[in-house]
Amino acid sequence: MPANTSAEIGIRELRASLSDVLNDVSVRGRITYVTSHGRRVAAIVPVLDAEALEAKKQPEGDGSPA
């Protein structure tokens, strides 16, 4: 499922609302960027998106995890 929207959240706010953020990711496909001092440092993405990205990074024929 493609992400309908994306959002940004600071680390402190993320600590307080992690379950809500994870629900938005899993149910709505929302990508959430985590910021530190206003700079994006990480992203919380749906599992299917992350797996697709990992599959693109693996060399063909290599069944081992990255």
PDB file of N, CA and C in Angstrom:
ATOM      1  N   MET A   1       0.847  -1.177   0.000  1.00  0.00           N
ATOM      2  CA  MET A   1       0.000   0.000   0.000  1.00  0.00           C
ATOM      3  C   MET A   1       0.889   1.235   0.000  1.00  0.00           C
ATOM      4  N   PRO A   2       0.719   2.120  -0.954  1.00  0.00           N
ATOM      5  CA  PRO A   2       1.535   3.327  -0.960  1.00  0.00           C
ATOM      6  C   PRO A   2       1.127   4.267   0.156  1.00  0.00           C
ATOM      7  N   ALA A   3       2.081   5.040   0.610  1.00  0.00           N
ATOM      8  CA  ALA A   3       1.799   5.976   1.689  1.00  0.00           C
ATOM      9  C   ALA A   3       0.866   7.070   1.190  1.00  0.00           C
ATOM     10  N   ASN A   4      -0.177   7.341   1.956  1.00  0.00           N
ATOM     11  CA  ASN A   4      -1.110   8.405   1.596  1.00  0.00           C
ATOM     12  C   ASN A   4      -0.527   9.765   1.936  1.00  0.00           C
ATOM     13  N   THR A   5       0.171   9.824   3.044  1.00  0.00           N
ATOM     14  CA  THR A   5       0.744  11.082   3.495  1.00  0.00           C
ATOM     15  C   THR A   5       2.047  10.777   4.210  1.00  0.00           C
ATOM     16  N   SER A   6       2.765  11.824   4.508  1.00  0.00           N
ATOM     17  CA  SER A   6       3.934  11.660   5.358  1.00  0.00           C
ATOM     18  C   SER A   6       3.840  12.692   6.462  1.00  0.00           C
ATOM     19  N   ALA A   7       4.611  12.482   7.496  1.00  0.00           N
ATOM     20  CA  ALA A   7       4.590  13.393   8.633  1.00  0.00           C
ATOM     21  C   ALA A   7       5.993  13.477   9.210  1.00  0.00           C
ATOM     22  N   GLU A   8       6.215  14.485  10.019  1.00  0.00           N
ATOM     23  CA  GLU A   8       7.466  14.624  10.756  1.00  0.00           C
ATOM     24  C   GLU A   8       7.131  14.693  12.235  1.00  0.00           C
ATOM     25  N   ILE A   9       8.005  14.113  13.043  1.00  0.00           N
ATOM     26  CA  ILE A   9       7.802  14.138  14.485  1.00  0.00           C
ATOM     27  C   ILE A   9       9.159  14.205  15.173  1.00  0.00           C
ATOM     28  N   GLY A  10       9.249  15.023  16.200  1.00  0.00           N
ATOM     29  CA  GLY A  10      10.486  15.121  16.976  1.00  0.00           C
ATOM     30  C   GLY A  10      10.640  13.914  17.884  1.00  0.00           C
ATOM     31  N   ILE A  11      11.867  13.648  18.283  1.00  0.00           N
ATOM     32  CA  ILE A  11      12.154  12.479  19.110  1.00  0.00           C
ATOM     33  C   ILE A  11      11.367  12.506  20.413  1.00  0.00           C
ATOM     34  N   ARG A  12      11.303  13.648  21.073  1.00  0.00           N
ATOM     35  CA  ARG A  12      10.554  13.726  22.335  1.00  0.00           C
ATOM     36  C   ARG A  12       9.086  13.407  22.139  1.00  0.00           C
ATOM     37  N   GLU A  13       8.494  13.979  21.099  1.00  0.00           N
ATOM     38  CA  GLU A  13       7.082  13.720  20.828  1.00  0.00           C
ATOM     39  C   GLU A  13       6.874  12.256  20.451  1.00  0.00           C
ATOM     40  N   LEU A  14       7.822  11.678  19.727  1.00  0.00           N
ATOM     41  CA  LEU A  14       7.724  10.276  19.335  1.00  0.00           C
ATOM     42  C   LEU A  14       7.658   9.368  20.557  1.00  0.00           C
ATOM     43  N   ARG A  15       8.469   9.667  21.565  1.00  0.00           N
ATOM     44  CA  ARG A  15       8.446   8.860  22.788  1.00  0.00           C
ATOM     45  C   ARG A  15       7.062   8.833  23.409  1.00  0.00           C
ATOM     46  N   ALA A  16       6.365   9.961  23.351  1.00  0.00           N
ATOM     47  CA  ALA A  16       5.051  10.068  23.981  1.00  0.00           C
ATOM     48  C   ALA A  16       3.941   9.448  23.130  1.00  0.00           C
ATOM     49  N   SER A  17       4.167   9.316  21.823  1.00  0.00           N
ATOM     50  CA  SER A  17       3.081   8.858  20.958  1.00  0.00           C
ATOM     51  C   SER A  17       3.488   7.724  20.024  1.00  0.00           C
ATOM     52  N   LEU A  18       4.419   6.903  20.454  1.00  0.00           N
ATOM     53  CA  LEU A  18       4.934   5.842  19.588  1.00  0.00           C
ATOM     54  C   LEU A  18       3.836   4.902  19.096  1.00  0.00           C
ATOM     55  N   SER A  19       2.933   4.486  19.973  1.00  0.00           N
ATOM     56  CA  SER A  19       1.898   3.543  19.543  1.00  0.00           C
ATOM     57  C   SER A  19       1.003   4.160  18.463  1.00  0.00           C
ATOM     58  N   ASP A  20       0.691   5.445  18.570  1.00  0.00           N
ATOM     59  CA  ASP A  20      -0.121   6.111  17.546  1.00  0.00           C
ATOM     60  C   ASP A  20       0.624   6.205  16.219  1.00  0.00           C
ATOM     61  N   VAL A  21       1.897   6.518  16.288  1.00  0.00           N
ATOM     62  CA  VAL A  21       2.707   6.616  15.072  1.00  0.00           C
ATOM     63  C   VAL A  21       2.788   5.250  14.390  1.00  0.00           C
ATOM     64  N   LEU A  22       3.038   4.202  15.154  1.00  0.00           N
ATOM     65  CA  LEU A  22       3.121   2.864  14.573  1.00  0.00           C
ATOM     66  C   LEU A  22       1.786   2.433  13.971  1.00  0.00           C
ATOM     67  N   ASN A  23       0.690   2.815  14.602  1.00  0.00           N
ATOM     68  CA  ASN A  23      -0.623   2.500  14.053  1.00  0.00           C
ATOM     69  C   ASN A  23      -0.822   3.200  12.714  1.00  0.00           C
ATOM     70  N   ASP A  24      -0.453   4.473  12.617  1.00  0.00           N
ATOM     71  CA  ASP A  24      -0.569   5.199  11.353  1.00  0.00           C
ATOM     72  C   ASP A  24       0.271   4.548  10.256  1.00  0.00           C
ATOM     73  N   VAL A  25       1.438   4.064  10.620  1.00  0.00           N
ATOM     74  CA  VAL A  25       2.316   3.409   9.649  1.00  0.00           C
ATOM     75  C   VAL A  25       1.699   2.099   9.171  1.00  0.00           C
ATOM     76  N   SER A  26       1.241   1.277  10.113  1.00  0.00           N
ATOM     77  CA  SER A  26       0.759  -0.047   9.727  1.00  0.00           C
ATOM     78  C   SER A  26      -0.618  -0.023   9.081  1.00  0.00           C
ATOM     79  N   VAL A  27      -1.513   0.828   9.546  1.00  0.00           N
ATOM     80  CA  VAL A  27      -2.880   0.836   9.033  1.00  0.00           C
ATOM     81  C   VAL A  27      -3.033   1.757   7.821  1.00  0.00           C
ATOM     82  N   ARG A  28      -2.452   2.934   7.887  1.00  0.00           N
ATOM     83  CA  ARG A  28      -2.646   3.932   6.830  1.00  0.00           C
ATOM     84  C   ARG A  28      -1.498   3.992   5.824  1.00  0.00           C
ATOM     85  N   GLY A  29      -0.401   3.321   6.117  1.00  0.00           N
ATOM     86  CA  GLY A  29       0.744   3.353   5.211  1.00  0.00           C
ATOM     87  C   GLY A  29       1.502   4.658   5.256  1.00  0.00           C
ATOM     88  N   ARG A  30       1.342   5.403   6.339  1.00  0.00           N
ATOM     89  CA  ARG A  30       1.978   6.713   6.471  1.00  0.00           C
ATOM     90  C   ARG A  30       3.473   6.563   6.775  1.00  0.00           C
ATOM     91  N   ILE A  31       4.284   7.321   6.103  1.00  0.00           N
ATOM     92  CA  ILE A  31       5.718   7.399   6.405  1.00  0.00           C
ATOM     93  C   ILE A  31       5.903   8.533   7.397  1.00  0.00           C
ATOM     94  N   THR A  32       6.608   8.265   8.479  1.00  0.00           N
ATOM     95  CA  THR A  32       6.859   9.292   9.489  1.00  0.00           C
ATOM     96  C   THR A  32       8.355   9.508   9.607  1.00  0.00           C
ATOM     97  N   TYR A  33       8.769  10.742   9.388  1.00  0.00           N
ATOM     98  CA  TYR A  33      10.170  11.103   9.520  1.00  0.00           C
ATOM     99  C   TYR A  33      10.421  11.565  10.953  1.00  0.00           C
ATOM    100  N   VAL A  34      11.460  11.026  11.558  1.00  0.00           N
ATOM    101  CA  VAL A  34      11.831  11.395  12.923  1.00  0.00           C
ATOM    102  C   VAL A  34      12.899  12.469  12.834  1.00  0.00           C
ATOM    103  N   THR A  35      12.687  13.560  13.583  1.00  0.00           N
ATOM    104  CA  THR A  35      13.626  14.673  13.530  1.00  0.00           C
ATOM    105  C   THR A  35      14.339  14.868  14.861  1.00  0.00           C
ATOM    106  N   SER A  36      15.542  15.384  14.764  1.00  0.00           N
ATOM    107  CA  SER A  36      16.326  15.777  15.923  1.00  0.00           C
ATOM    108  C   SER A  36      16.854  17.168  15.637  1.00  0.00           C
ATOM    109  N   HIS A  37      16.473  18.120  16.464  1.00  0.00           N
ATOM    110  CA  HIS A  37      16.860  19.519  16.266  1.00  0.00           C
ATOM    111  C   HIS A  37      16.453  20.012  14.879  1.00  0.00           C
ATOM    112  N   GLY A  38      15.256  19.560  14.416  1.00  0.00           N
ATOM    113  CA  GLY A  38      14.719  20.003  13.139  1.00  0.00           C
ATOM    114  C   GLY A  38      15.277  19.301  11.914  1.00  0.00           C
ATOM    115  N   ARG A  39      16.179  18.365  12.100  1.00  0.00           N
ATOM    116  CA  ARG A  39      16.808  17.648  10.985  1.00  0.00           C
ATOM    117  C   ARG A  39      16.310  16.214  10.942  1.00  0.00           C
ATOM    118  N   ARG A  40      15.909  15.731   9.782  1.00  0.00           N
ATOM    119  CA  ARG A  40      15.458  14.344   9.643  1.00  0.00           C
ATOM    120  C   ARG A  40      16.623  13.395   9.913  1.00  0.00           C
ATOM    121  N   VAL A  41      16.400  12.442  10.826  1.00  0.00           N
ATOM    122  CA  VAL A  41      17.456  11.493  11.171  1.00  0.00           C
ATOM    123  C   VAL A  41      17.046  10.047  10.923  1.00  0.00           C
ATOM    124  N   ALA A  42      15.749   9.813  10.760  1.00  0.00           N
ATOM    125  CA  ALA A  42      15.267   8.451  10.550  1.00  0.00           C
ATOM    126  C   ALA A  42      13.870   8.511   9.950  1.00  0.00           C
ATOM    127  N   ALA A  43      13.411   7.361   9.486  1.00  0.00           N
ATOM    128  CA  ALA A  43      12.044   7.266   8.973  1.00  0.00           C
ATOM    129  C   ALA A  43      11.426   5.974   9.473  1.00  0.00           C
ATOM    130  N   ILE A  44      10.164   6.061   9.828  1.00  0.00           N
ATOM    131  CA  ILE A  44       9.392   4.874  10.188  1.00  0.00           C
ATOM    132  C   ILE A  44       8.493   4.605   8.997  1.00  0.00           C
ATOM    133  N   VAL A  45       8.690   3.447   8.370  1.00  0.00           N
ATOM    134  CA  VAL A  45       7.989   3.134   7.128  1.00  0.00           C
ATOM    135  C   VAL A  45       7.252   1.802   7.252  1.00  0.00           C
ATOM    136  N   PRO A  46       6.225   1.588   6.432  1.00  0.00           N
ATOM    137  CA  PRO A  46       5.542   0.296   6.432  1.00  0.00           C
ATOM    138  C   PRO A  46       6.517  -0.825   6.091  1.00  0.00           C
ATOM    139  N   VAL A  47       6.262  -1.994   6.641  1.00  0.00           N
ATOM    140  CA  VAL A  47       7.146  -3.152   6.442  1.00  0.00           C
ATOM    141  C   VAL A  47       7.312  -3.481   4.963  1.00  0.00           C
ATOM    142  N   LEU A  48       6.241  -3.457   4.201  1.00  0.00           N
ATOM    143  CA  LEU A  48       6.358  -3.790   2.778  1.00  0.00           C
ATOM    144  C   LEU A  48       7.294  -2.838   2.045  1.00  0.00           C
ATOM    145  N   ASP A  49       7.267  -1.563   2.394  1.00  0.00           N
ATOM    146  CA  ASP A  49       8.177  -0.596   1.780  1.00  0.00           C
ATOM    147  C   ASP A  49       9.624  -0.898   2.166  1.00  0.00           C
ATOM    148  N   ALA A  50       9.855  -1.202   3.433  1.00  0.00           N
ATOM    149  CA  ALA A  50      11.210  -1.502   3.904  1.00  0.00           C
ATOM    150  C   ALA A  50      11.741  -2.777   3.246  1.00  0.00           C
ATOM    151  N   GLU A  51      10.892  -3.801   3.146  1.00  0.00           N
ATOM    152  CA  GLU A  51      11.325  -5.057   2.522  1.00  0.00           C
ATOM    153  C   GLU A  51      11.635  -4.856   1.048  1.00  0.00           C
ATOM    154  N   ALA A  52      10.850  -4.039   0.361  1.00  0.00           N
ATOM    155  CA  ALA A  52      11.106  -3.761  -1.055  1.00  0.00           C
ATOM    156  C   ALA A  52      12.441  -3.034  -1.222  1.00  0.00           C
ATOM    157  N   LEU A  53      12.710  -2.102  -0.329  1.00  0.00           N
ATOM    158  CA  LEU A  53      13.981  -1.381  -0.379  1.00  0.00           C
ATOM    159  C   LEU A  53      15.157  -2.321  -0.126  1.00  0.00           C
ATOM    160  N   GLU A  54      15.016  -3.205   0.852  1.00  0.00           N
ATOM    161  CA  GLU A  54      16.088  -4.167   1.135  1.00  0.00           C
ATOM    162  C   GLU A  54      16.310  -5.099  -0.039  1.00  0.00           C
ATOM    163  N   ALA A  55      15.239  -5.540  -0.679  1.00  0.00           N
ATOM    164  CA  ALA A  55      15.360  -6.454  -1.818  1.00  0.00           C
ATOM    165  C   ALA A  55      16.122  -5.799  -2.964  1.00  0.00           C
ATOM    166  N   LYS A  56      15.927  -4.505  -3.164  1.00  0.00           N
ATOM    167  CA  LYS A  56      16.647  -3.794  -4.218  1.00  0.00           C
ATOM    168  C   LYS A  56      18.132  -3.695  -3.919  1.00  0.00           C
ATOM    169  N   LYS A  57      18.483  -3.665  -2.631  1.00  0.00           N
ATOM    170  CA  LYS A  57      19.891  -3.509  -2.238  1.00  0.00           C
ATOM    171  C   LYS A  57      20.660  -4.813  -2.297  1.00  0.00           C
ATOM    172  N   GLN A  58      19.962  -5.962  -2.207  1.00  0.00           N
ATOM    173  CA  GLN A  58      20.651  -7.250  -2.184  1.00  0.00           C
ATOM    174  C   GLN A  58      21.102  -7.641  -3.599  1.00  0.00           C
ATOM    175  N   PRO A  59      22.320  -8.158  -3.692  1.00  0.00           N
ATOM    176  CA  PRO A  59      22.759  -8.672  -4.997  1.00  0.00           C
ATOM    177  C   PRO A  59      21.908  -9.874  -5.389  1.00  0.00           C
ATOM    178  N   GLU A  60      21.667 -10.035  -6.685  1.00  0.00           N
ATOM    179  CA  GLU A  60      20.855 -11.157  -7.148  1.00  0.00           C
ATOM    180  C   GLU A  60      21.513 -12.476  -6.769  1.00  0.00           C
ATOM    181  N   GLY A  61      20.666 -13.434  -6.369  1.00  0.00           N
ATOM    182  CA  GLY A  61      21.169 -14.750  -6.005  1.00  0.00           C
ATOM    183  C   GLY A  61      21.678 -14.855  -4.600  1.00  0.00           C
ATOM    184  N   ASP A  62      21.758 -13.746  -3.885  1.00  0.00           N
ATOM    185  CA  ASP A  62      22.237 -13.762  -2.495  1.00  0.00           C
ATOM    186  C   ASP A  62      21.023 -13.803  -1.573  1.00  0.00           C
ATOM    187  N   GLY A  63      20.766 -14.942  -0.979  1.00  0.00           N
ATOM    188  CA  GLY A  63      19.612 -15.088  -0.115  1.00  0.00           C
ATOM    189  C   GLY A  63      19.871 -14.651   1.317  1.00  0.00           C
ATOM    190  N   SER A  64      21.084 -14.211   1.600  1.00  0.00           N
ATOM    191  CA  SER A  64      21.399 -13.819   2.987  1.00  0.00           C
ATOM    192  C   SER A  64      20.874 -12.424   3.274  1.00  0.00           C
ATOM    193  N   PRO A  65      20.526 -12.170   4.548  1.00  0.00           N
ATOM    194  CA  PRO A  65      20.060 -10.821   4.905  1.00  0.00           C
ATOM    195  C   PRO A  65      21.164  -9.789   4.761  1.00  0.00           C
ATOM    196  N   ALA A  66      20.775  -8.567   4.490  1.00  0.00           N
ATOM    197  CA  ALA A  66      21.749  -7.491   4.275  1.00  0.00           C
ATOM    198  C   ALA A  66      22.455  -7.099   5.525  1.00  0.00           C
TER     199      ALA A  66
END
